[in-house]
C-alpha atoms as a PDB file:
ATOM      1  CA  MET A   1      36.266  72.199  49.802  1.00  0.00           C
ATOM      2  CA  LYS A   2      34.993  72.095  53.366  1.00  0.00           C
ATOM      3  CA  THR A   3      31.368  71.099  53.654  1.00  0.00           C
ATOM      4  CA  VAL A   4      29.400  70.868  56.911  1.00  0.00           C
ATOM      5  CA  GLU A   5      26.058  69.240  57.535  1.00  0.00           C
ATOM      6  CA  GLU A   6      23.657  69.782  60.417  1.00  0.00           C
ATOM      7  CA  ALA A   7      20.466  67.878  61.135  1.00  0.00           C
ATOM      8  CA  ALA A   8      17.339  69.947  61.733  1.00  0.00           C
ATOM      9  CA  ARG A   9      15.360  67.497  63.836  1.00  0.00           C
ATOM     10  CA  ALA A  10      11.635  67.837  64.436  1.00  0.00           C
ATOM     11  CA  LYS A  11      10.791  69.499  67.760  1.00  0.00           C
ATOM     12  CA  VAL A  12       7.938  67.930  69.684  1.00  0.00           C
ATOM     13  CA  ASN A  13       6.066  69.484  72.600  1.00  0.00           C
ATOM     14  CA  LEU A  14       5.104  66.514  74.764  1.00  0.00           C
ATOM     15  CA  ALA A  15       3.238  68.939  77.031  1.00  0.00           C
ATOM     16  CA  LEU A  16       2.552  72.635  76.520  1.00  0.00           C
ATOM     17  CA  HIS A  17       0.908  74.798  79.182  1.00  0.00           C
ATOM     18  CA  VAL A  18      -0.063  78.412  78.501  1.00  0.00           C
ATOM     19  CA  THR A  19       0.620  80.183  81.793  1.00  0.00           C
ATOM     20  CA  GLY A  20      -0.039  83.845  81.030  1.00  0.00           C
ATOM     21  CA  ARG A  21       0.189  86.768  78.680  1.00  0.00           C
ATOM     22  CA  ARG A  22       2.703  89.579  78.938  1.00  0.00           C
ATOM     23  CA  ALA A  23       1.968  93.276  78.504  1.00  0.00           C
ATOM     24  CA  ASP A  24       3.577  93.146  75.052  1.00  0.00           C
ATOM     25  CA  GLY A  25       1.083  90.486  73.934  1.00  0.00           C
ATOM     26  CA  TYR A  26       3.427  87.491  73.989  1.00  0.00           C
ATOM     27  CA  HIS A  27       2.088  84.398  75.736  1.00  0.00           C
ATOM     28  CA  THR A  28       4.213  82.669  78.360  1.00  0.00           C
ATOM     29  CA  LEU A  29       4.549  78.908  78.055  1.00  0.00           C
ATOM     30  CA  ASP A  30       5.758  75.945  80.051  1.00  0.00           C
ATOM     31  CA  SER A  31       6.634  72.969  77.883  1.00  0.00           C
ATOM     32  CA  LEU A  32       8.493  69.676  77.862  1.00  0.00           C
ATOM     33  CA  VAL A  33      10.321  69.547  74.519  1.00  0.00           C
ATOM     34  CA  VAL A  34      11.995  66.546  72.881  1.00  0.00           C
ATOM     35  CA  PHE A  35      13.422  65.935  69.413  1.00  0.00           C
ATOM     36  CA  ALA A  36      12.738  63.242  66.817  1.00  0.00           C
ATOM     37  CA  ASP A  37      15.417  61.435  64.863  1.00  0.00           C
ATOM     38  CA  HIS A  38      13.626  62.658  61.725  1.00  0.00           C
ATOM     39  CA  GLY A  39      13.865  66.038  60.108  1.00  0.00           C
ATOM     40  CA  ASP A  40      15.503  68.324  57.560  1.00  0.00           C
ATOM     41  CA  LEU A  41      19.168  68.675  56.695  1.00  0.00           C
ATOM     42  CA  VAL A  42      21.174  71.879  56.283  1.00  0.00           C
ATOM     43  CA  THR A  43      24.395  71.797  54.264  1.00  0.00           C
ATOM     44  CA  ALA A  44      26.819  74.722  54.066  1.00  0.00           C
ATOM     45  CA  ARG A  45      30.002  75.156  52.031  1.00  0.00           C
ATOM     46  CA  PRO A  46      32.234  78.147  51.218  1.00  0.00           C
ATOM     47  CA  ALA A  47      31.146  80.388  48.337  1.00  0.00           C
ATOM     48  CA  GLU A  48      31.864  83.851  46.942  1.00  0.00           C
ATOM     49  CA  ALA A  49      28.535  85.174  48.293  1.00  0.00           C
ATOM     50  CA  LEU A  50      25.582  84.019  50.354  1.00  0.00           C
ATOM     51  CA  ASN A  51      23.440  81.658  48.286  1.00  0.00           C
ATOM     52  CA  PHE A  52      20.475  79.586  49.392  1.00  0.00           C
ATOM     53  CA  ASN A  53      18.471  76.833  47.737  1.00  0.00           C
ATOM     54  CA  VAL A  54      15.896  74.258  48.843  1.00  0.00           C
ATOM     55  CA  THR A  55      15.668  70.611  47.797  1.00  0.00           C
ATOM     56  CA  GLY A  56      13.902  67.524  49.080  1.00  0.00           C
ATOM     57  CA  PRO A  57      10.440  65.984  49.044  1.00  0.00           C
ATOM     58  CA  ARG A  58       8.816  68.896  50.950  1.00  0.00           C
ATOM     59  CA  SER A  59      10.562  71.680  49.061  1.00  0.00           C
ATOM     60  CA  GLU A  60       7.573  72.856  47.053  1.00  0.00           C
ATOM     61  CA  GLY A  61       6.371  76.268  48.208  1.00  0.00           C
ATOM     62  CA  VAL A  62       9.273  76.834  50.615  1.00  0.00           C
ATOM     63  CA  PRO A  63      10.429  80.453  50.145  1.00  0.00           C
ATOM     64  CA  THR A  64      14.040  81.114  49.238  1.00  0.00           C
ATOM     65  CA  ASP A  65      13.993  84.834  50.051  1.00  0.00           C
ATOM     66  CA  LYS A  66      14.622  86.581  53.359  1.00  0.00           C
ATOM     67  CA  SER A  67      11.290  85.416  54.706  1.00  0.00           C
ATOM     68  CA  ASN A  68      12.958  82.041  55.235  1.00  0.00           C
ATOM     69  CA  LEU A  69      14.483  81.652  58.705  1.00  0.00           C
ATOM     70  CA  VAL A  70      17.565  79.999  57.201  1.00  0.00           C
ATOM     71  CA  LEU A  71      18.594  83.223  55.464  1.00  0.00           C
ATOM     72  CA  ARG A  72      17.620  85.332  58.455  1.00  0.00           C
ATOM     73  CA  ALA A  73      19.826  83.124  60.648  1.00  0.00           C
ATOM     74  CA  ALA A  74      22.725  83.376  58.165  1.00  0.00           C
ATOM     75  CA  THR A  75      22.621  87.183  58.178  1.00  0.00           C
ATOM     76  CA  LEU A  76      23.290  87.224  61.899  1.00  0.00           C
ATOM     77  CA  PHE A  77      26.908  86.275  61.103  1.00  0.00           C
ATOM     78  CA  ASP A  78      29.440  88.855  59.902  1.00  0.00           C
ATOM     79  CA  ASN A  79      30.069  88.941  56.133  1.00  0.00           C
ATOM     80  CA  VAL A  80      29.083  85.319  55.663  1.00  0.00           C
ATOM     81  CA  ALA A  81      29.780  83.882  52.207  1.00  0.00           C
ATOM     82  CA  ALA A  82      28.411  80.402  51.884  1.00  0.00           C
ATOM     83  CA  GLU A  83      26.202  78.197  49.758  1.00  0.00           C
ATOM     84  CA  ILE A  84      23.449  76.883  51.992  1.00  0.00           C
ATOM     85  CA  THR A  85      21.192  74.029  50.948  1.00  0.00           C
ATOM     86  CA  LEU A  86      18.089  73.042  52.879  1.00  0.00           C
ATOM     87  CA  ASP A  87      16.959  69.464  52.241  1.00  0.00           C
ATOM     88  CA  LYS A  88      13.293  69.693  53.304  1.00  0.00           C
ATOM     89  CA  HIS A  89      11.505  66.665  54.708  1.00  0.00           C
ATOM     90  CA  LEU A  90       9.233  68.171  57.411  1.00  0.00           C
ATOM     91  CA  PRO A  91       5.898  69.765  56.589  1.00  0.00           C
ATOM     92  CA  ALA A  92       5.922  73.540  56.936  1.00  0.00           C
ATOM     93  CA  ALA A  93       4.075  75.467  59.668  1.00  0.00           C
ATOM     94  CA  SER A  94       2.989  72.274  61.398  1.00  0.00           C
ATOM     95  CA  GLY A  95       3.812  72.638  65.104  1.00  0.00           C
ATOM     96  CA  ILE A  96       7.075  70.651  65.073  1.00  0.00           C
ATOM     97  CA  GLY A  97       9.451  73.550  64.646  1.00  0.00           C
ATOM     98  CA  GLY A  98      10.464  72.921  61.081  1.00  0.00           C
ATOM     99  CA  GLY A  99      11.535  76.469  60.294  1.00  0.00           C
ATOM    100  CA  SER A 100      13.009  76.981  63.730  1.00  0.00           C
ATOM    101  CA  ALA A 101      14.958  73.715  63.501  1.00  0.00           C
ATOM    102  CA  ASP A 102      16.245  74.803  60.094  1.00  0.00           C
ATOM    103  CA  ALA A 103      17.384  78.143  61.511  1.00  0.00           C
ATOM    104  CA  ALA A 104      19.111  76.475  64.441  1.00  0.00           C
ATOM    105  CA  ALA A 105      20.864  73.987  62.135  1.00  0.00           C
ATOM    106  CA  THR A 106      22.021  76.910  60.015  1.00  0.00           C
ATOM    107  CA  LEU A 107      23.491  78.651  63.062  1.00  0.00           C
ATOM    108  CA  ARG A 108      25.404  75.487  64.018  1.00  0.00           C
ATOM    109  CA  ALA A 109      26.567  74.904  60.458  1.00  0.00           C
ATOM    110  CA  LEU A 110      27.838  78.433  59.939  1.00  0.00           C
ATOM    111  CA  GLN A 111      29.537  78.487  63.311  1.00  0.00           C
ATOM    112  CA  ARG A 112      31.493  75.390  62.241  1.00  0.00           C
ATOM    113  CA  LEU A 113      32.136  76.658  58.716  1.00  0.00           C
ATOM    114  CA  THR A 114      33.253  80.189  59.579  1.00  0.00           C
ATOM    115  CA  GLY A 115      34.699  79.765  63.067  1.00  0.00           C
ATOM    116  CA  GLN A 116      32.628  82.705  64.262  1.00  0.00           C
ATOM    117  CA  THR A 117      30.877  82.638  67.617  1.00  0.00           C
ATOM    118  CA  LEU A 118      27.114  82.167  67.732  1.00  0.00           C
ATOM    119  CA  PRO A 119      25.022  85.360  67.674  1.00  0.00           C
ATOM    120  CA  LYS A 120      23.826  86.828  70.964  1.00  0.00           C
ATOM    121  CA  PRO A 121      20.928  85.025  72.672  1.00  0.00           C
ATOM    122  CA  GLU A 122      18.525  87.925  72.114  1.00  0.00           C
ATOM    123  CA  ALA A 123      19.291  87.859  68.382  1.00  0.00           C
ATOM    124  CA  ILE A 124      18.654  84.113  68.239  1.00  0.00           C
ATOM    125  CA  LEU A 125      15.386  84.510  70.141  1.00  0.00           C
ATOM    126  CA  GLY A 126      14.451  87.231  67.684  1.00  0.00           C
ATOM    127  CA  LEU A 127      14.332  84.595  64.952  1.00  0.00           C
ATOM    128  CA  GLY A 128      11.471  82.839  66.743  1.00  0.00           C
ATOM    129  CA  ALA A 129      10.499  81.430  70.150  1.00  0.00           C
ATOM    130  CA  ASP A 130      11.456  77.862  69.196  1.00  0.00           C
ATOM    131  CA  VAL A 131      14.905  78.639  67.778  1.00  0.00           C
ATOM    132  CA  PRO A 132      16.788  78.627  71.125  1.00  0.00           C
ATOM    133  CA  VAL A 133      15.385  75.238  72.128  1.00  0.00           C
ATOM    134  CA  CYS A 134      16.106  73.824  68.644  1.00  0.00           C
ATOM    135  CA  LEU A 135      19.671  75.101  68.969  1.00  0.00           C
ATOM    136  CA  VAL A 136      20.046  73.095  72.191  1.00  0.00           C
ATOM    137  CA  GLY A 137      18.544  70.041  70.488  1.00  0.00           C
ATOM    138  CA  ARG A 138      17.964  67.833  73.541  1.00  0.00           C
ATOM    139  CA  PRO A 139      15.082  67.286  75.995  1.00  0.00           C
ATOM    140  CA  VAL A 140      14.517  70.395  78.099  1.00  0.00           C
ATOM    141  CA  ARG A 141      11.849  72.318  79.927  1.00  0.00           C
ATOM    142  CA  MET A 142      11.082  75.486  77.983  1.00  0.00           C
ATOM    143  CA  GLU A 143       9.504  78.424  79.799  1.00  0.00           C
ATOM    144  CA  GLY A 144       8.672  82.074  79.273  1.00  0.00           C
ATOM    145  CA  ILE A 145       8.526  82.977  75.586  1.00  0.00           C
ATOM    146  CA  GLY A 146      11.170  80.387  74.779  1.00  0.00           C
ATOM    147  CA  GLU A 147      14.173  82.050  76.439  1.00  0.00           C
ATOM    148  CA  ARG A 148      14.280  79.978  79.644  1.00  0.00           C
ATOM    149  CA  LEU A 149      15.571  76.459  79.134  1.00  0.00           C
ATOM    150  CA  SER A 150      16.329  74.070  81.936  1.00  0.00           C
ATOM    151  CA  PRO A 151      17.479  70.443  82.057  1.00  0.00           C
ATOM    152  CA  VAL A 152      15.093  67.606  82.864  1.00  0.00           C
ATOM    153  CA  PRO A 153      15.777  64.178  84.332  1.00  0.00           C
ATOM    154  CA  ARG A 154      16.917  61.590  81.822  1.00  0.00           C
ATOM    155  CA  LEU A 155      14.031  60.388  79.673  1.00  0.00           C
ATOM    156  CA  PRO A 156      13.734  56.975  78.024  1.00  0.00           C
ATOM    157  CA  PRO A 157      13.934  56.777  74.201  1.00  0.00           C
ATOM    158  CA  LEU A 158      10.362  57.102  72.966  1.00  0.00           C
ATOM    159  CA  PRO A 159       9.281  55.101  69.888  1.00  0.00           C
ATOM    160  CA  ALA A 160       6.711  57.284  68.199  1.00  0.00           C
ATOM    161  CA  VAL A 161       4.727  58.253  65.130  1.00  0.00           C
ATOM    162  CA  LEU A 162       4.259  61.775  63.795  1.00  0.00           C
ATOM    163  CA  VAL A 163       1.216  62.555  61.672  1.00  0.00           C
ATOM    164  CA  ASN A 164       0.216  65.702  59.826  1.00  0.00           C
ATOM    165  CA  PRO A 165      -3.132  65.694  57.953  1.00  0.00           C
ATOM    166  CA  GLY A 166      -1.944  68.254  55.429  1.00  0.00           C
ATOM    167  CA  VAL A 167      -3.883  71.225  56.753  1.00  0.00           C
ATOM    168  CA  GLY A 168      -2.584  74.535  57.986  1.00  0.00           C
ATOM    169  CA  VAL A 169      -3.402  76.076  61.325  1.00  0.00           C
ATOM    170  CA  SER A 170      -2.710  79.724  62.110  1.00  0.00           C
ATOM    171  CA  THR A 171      -0.727  79.994  65.345  1.00  0.00           C
ATOM    172  CA  PRO A 172      -2.103  83.506  66.120  1.00  0.00           C
ATOM    173  CA  ALA A 173      -5.631  82.233  65.530  1.00  0.00           C
ATOM    174  CA  VAL A 174      -5.068  79.313  67.906  1.00  0.00           C
ATOM    175  CA  PHE A 175      -3.825  81.634  70.656  1.00  0.00           C
ATOM    176  CA  ALA A 176      -6.709  84.039  69.989  1.00  0.00           C
ATOM    177  CA  ALA A 177      -9.178  81.156  70.467  1.00  0.00           C
ATOM    178  CA  LEU A 178      -7.832  80.201  73.897  1.00  0.00           C
ATOM    179  CA  GLU A 179     -10.555  80.226  76.531  1.00  0.00           C
ATOM    180  CA  SER A 180      -8.010  80.837  79.317  1.00  0.00           C
ATOM    181  CA  ARG A 181      -4.546  82.404  79.185  1.00  0.00           C
ATOM    182  CA  GLU A 182      -3.816  81.946  82.886  1.00  0.00           C
ATOM    183  CA  ASN A 183      -3.356  78.228  83.438  1.00  0.00           C
ATOM    184  CA  PRO A 184      -1.372  76.131  85.923  1.00  0.00           C
ATOM    185  CA  ALA A 185       2.268  75.514  85.058  1.00  0.00           C
ATOM    186  CA  MET A 186       3.575  72.095  84.090  1.00  0.00           C
ATOM    187  CA  GLU A 187       4.574  69.935  86.999  1.00  0.00           C
ATOM    188  CA  ALA A 188       8.261  69.110  87.430  1.00  0.00           C
ATOM    189  CA  VAL A 189       9.292  66.141  85.308  1.00  0.00           C
ATOM    190  CA  PRO A 190       9.845  63.250  87.748  1.00  0.00           C
ATOM    191  CA  SER A 191      13.007  61.216  87.906  1.00  0.00           C
ATOM    192  CA  GLY A 192      13.119  57.482  87.258  1.00  0.00           C
ATOM    193  CA  LEU A 193      10.965  57.349  84.127  1.00  0.00           C
ATOM    194  CA  ARG A 194      12.679  54.331  82.604  1.00  0.00           C
ATOM    195  CA  ARG A 195      10.150  53.095  80.030  1.00  0.00           C
ATOM    196  CA  PRO A 196       7.935  54.824  77.465  1.00  0.00           C
ATOM    197  CA  GLY A 197       4.880  53.786  79.479  1.00  0.00           C
ATOM    198  CA  ASP A 198       6.231  55.524  82.564  1.00  0.00           C
ATOM    199  CA  LEU A 199       6.587  58.846  80.786  1.00  0.00           C
ATOM    200  CA  ALA A 200       3.278  58.433  78.945  1.00  0.00           C
ATOM    201  CA  GLY A 201       1.536  57.902  82.305  1.00  0.00           C
ATOM    202  CA  TRP A 202       2.946  61.140  83.641  1.00  0.00           C
ATOM    203  CA  LEU A 203       2.162  63.015  80.433  1.00  0.00           C
ATOM    204  CA  LYS A 204      -1.516  62.102  80.809  1.00  0.00           C
ATOM    205  CA  THR A 205      -1.559  64.306  83.912  1.00  0.00           C
ATOM    206  CA  GLN A 206      -0.261  67.260  81.862  1.00  0.00           C
ATOM    207  CA  ARG A 207      -1.769  69.108  78.862  1.00  0.00           C
ATOM    208  CA  ASN A 208      -1.372  70.875  75.604  1.00  0.00           C
ATOM    209  CA  ASP A 209      -3.530  73.956  76.194  1.00  0.00           C
ATOM    210  CA  LEU A 210      -3.470  74.752  72.478  1.00  0.00           C
ATOM    211  CA  GLU A 211      -5.033  71.460  71.465  1.00  0.00           C
ATOM    212  CA  PRO A 212      -8.717  72.335  72.128  1.00  0.00           C
ATOM    213  CA  PRO A 213      -8.683  75.677  70.235  1.00  0.00           C
ATOM    214  CA  ALA A 214      -6.707  74.139  67.410  1.00  0.00           C
ATOM    215  CA  MET A 215      -9.210  71.299  67.061  1.00  0.00           C
ATOM    216  CA  ALA A 216     -12.072  73.783  67.034  1.00  0.00           C
ATOM    217  CA  LEU A 217     -10.387  75.670  64.185  1.00  0.00           C
ATOM    218  CA  GLN A 218      -9.347  72.548  62.313  1.00  0.00           C
ATOM    219  CA  PRO A 219     -11.428  69.432  63.059  1.00  0.00           C
ATOM    220  CA  ARG A 220      -9.086  67.156  61.085  1.00  0.00           C
ATOM    221  CA  ILE A 221      -6.754  67.315  64.099  1.00  0.00           C
ATOM    222  CA  ALA A 222      -9.393  65.470  66.116  1.00  0.00           C
ATOM    223  CA  THR A 223      -9.639  62.906  63.315  1.00  0.00           C
ATOM    224  CA  VAL A 224      -5.884  62.287  63.490  1.00  0.00           C
ATOM    225  CA  LEU A 225      -5.888  61.943  67.268  1.00  0.00           C
ATOM    226  CA  ALA A 226      -8.810  59.485  67.133  1.00  0.00           C
ATOM    227  CA  ALA A 227      -7.000  57.383  64.509  1.00  0.00           C
ATOM    228  CA  LEU A 228      -3.827  57.296  66.600  1.00  0.00           C
ATOM    229  CA  ARG A 229      -5.667  56.339  69.801  1.00  0.00           C
ATOM    230  CA  GLN A 230      -7.389  53.424  68.101  1.00  0.00           C
ATOM    231  CA  ILE A 231      -4.088  51.753  67.181  1.00  0.00           C
ATOM    232  CA  ASP A 232      -3.036  48.863  69.382  1.00  0.00           C
ATOM    233  CA  GLY A 233      -0.159  49.794  71.635  1.00  0.00           C
ATOM    234  CA  CYS A 234      -0.732  53.562  71.616  1.00  0.00           C
ATOM    235  CA  LEU A 235       0.328  54.841  75.026  1.00  0.00           C
ATOM    236  CA  ILE A 236      -0.679  58.461  74.470  1.00  0.00           C
ATOM    237  CA  ALA A 237      -1.641  60.635  71.511  1.00  0.00           C
ATOM    238  CA  ARG A 238      -1.475  64.404  71.541  1.00  0.00           C
ATOM    239  CA  MET A 239      -0.998  67.450  69.307  1.00  0.00           C
ATOM    240  CA  SER A 240       2.412  69.121  69.236  1.00  0.00           C
ATOM    241  CA  GLY A 241       2.809  72.879  69.530  1.00  0.00           C
ATOM    242  CA  SER A 242      -0.052  74.800  67.887  1.00  0.00           C
ATOM    243  CA  GLY A 243      -0.672  71.981  65.383  1.00  0.00           C
ATOM    244  CA  ALA A 244      -1.590  70.444  63.165  1.00  0.00           C
ATOM    245  CA  THR A 245       1.015  67.692  63.632  1.00  0.00           C
ATOM    246  CA  CYS A 246       0.102  65.094  66.218  1.00  0.00           C
ATOM    247  CA  PHE A 247       2.172  62.344  67.807  1.00  0.00           C
ATOM    248  CA  ALA A 248       1.640  58.996  69.461  1.00  0.00           C
ATOM    249  CA  ILE A 249       4.082  57.160  71.734  1.00  0.00           C
ATOM    250  CA  PHE A 250       4.373  53.382  71.603  1.00  0.00           C
ATOM    251  CA  PRO A 251       6.122  50.832  73.854  1.00  0.00           C
ATOM    252  CA  ASP A 252       8.672  49.727  71.215  1.00  0.00           C
ATOM    253  CA  ALA A 253       9.936  50.550  67.737  1.00  0.00           C
ATOM    254  CA  VAL A 254       8.271  47.543  66.110  1.00  0.00           C
ATOM    255  CA  THR A 255       4.847  48.649  67.318  1.00  0.00           C
ATOM    256  CA  ALA A 256       5.489  52.226  66.187  1.00  0.00           C
ATOM    257  CA  SER A 257       6.607  51.089  62.750  1.00  0.00           C
ATOM    258  CA  SER A 258       3.528  48.893  62.410  1.00  0.00           C
ATOM    259  CA  ALA A 259       1.336  51.829  63.402  1.00  0.00           C
ATOM    260  CA  ALA A 260       2.940  54.027  60.785  1.00  0.00           C
ATOM    261  CA  THR A 261       2.384  51.347  58.142  1.00  0.00           C
ATOM    262  CA  GLN A 262      -1.310  51.097  59.076  1.00  0.00           C
ATOM    263  CA  LEU A 263      -1.747  54.866  58.876  1.00  0.00           C
ATOM    264  CA  ARG A 264      -0.010  55.160  55.502  1.00  0.00           C
ATOM    265  CA  ALA A 265      -2.362  52.494  54.149  1.00  0.00           C
ATOM    266  CA  SER A 266      -5.543  53.959  55.610  1.00  0.00           C
ATOM    267  CA  HIS A 267      -4.670  57.652  55.121  1.00  0.00           C
ATOM    268  CA  PRO A 268      -2.202  57.959  52.220  1.00  0.00           C
ATOM    269  CA  ASP A 269      -2.855  61.719  52.063  1.00  0.00           C
ATOM    270  CA  TRP A 270      -1.441  62.245  55.544  1.00  0.00           C
ATOM    271  CA  TRP A 271       2.258  62.840  56.209  1.00  0.00           C
ATOM    272  CA  THR A 272       3.337  60.027  58.527  1.00  0.00           C
ATOM    273  CA  ALA A 273       6.761  59.262  59.991  1.00  0.00           C
ATOM    274  CA  ASP A 274       7.788  56.654  62.507  1.00  0.00           C
ATOM    275  CA  CYS A 275      10.717  57.807  64.642  1.00  0.00           C
ATOM    276  CA  THR A 276      12.213  57.948  68.101  1.00  0.00           C
ATOM    277  CA  PHE A 277      12.005  60.943  70.445  1.00  0.00           C
ATOM    278  CA  ALA A 278      15.070  61.679  72.570  1.00  0.00           C
END
């Protein structure tokens, strides 16, 4: 029996600028997006009907009805009959595109399993603003409401740590708390960034405009960022997306692994993962 697997890698916004608000209420963004070599896994195999189940260490509380983006993505295909399993490792609703990455992995898996073409771009965007970029799965500049994706110069592999303090942050509430919705766009990503320190230096001149309102709503984000910045070797620490997951970039994998070990010891209640962004 044919079985296909697709990784649903964590999406990380290294910079995220809010540049405006459209008449329909959607905010326009300008973001540099990369992906971690850590995430969920979607498996699909032929079946008599569409079935969906969730396993893994972060499976508790994950819905298995049509509110889950995996099933919504599956129904975009014609008469799909498959057993889909989501092995959940990423925290839900945490600013690293977990649900969107799962949906994108489902689209790729069902395309391979059924031989059907991918749904139309507007249908994919309808699943969520992060689904198109997760479907691409490589570093890009994301603009508009997620529909405009453009290549960026080659980036160095980035040893990093992801940390989520186990608190939820409402994305609509974060956007509602923005002091300004008309902010300067992100600068063009320069060429020749060969080391993690080179990219971190440039990132310090950019922003995540959602970080201040998210910290005001959930102060534990500030606690995480302070803990990351105090670790030896931390090149930059910032929140991803609308939170509450934060990241720190380090000069090498050994330093990143050591940082993750320290954080797990000092904050065992936090979700912590050492990984590489690419």
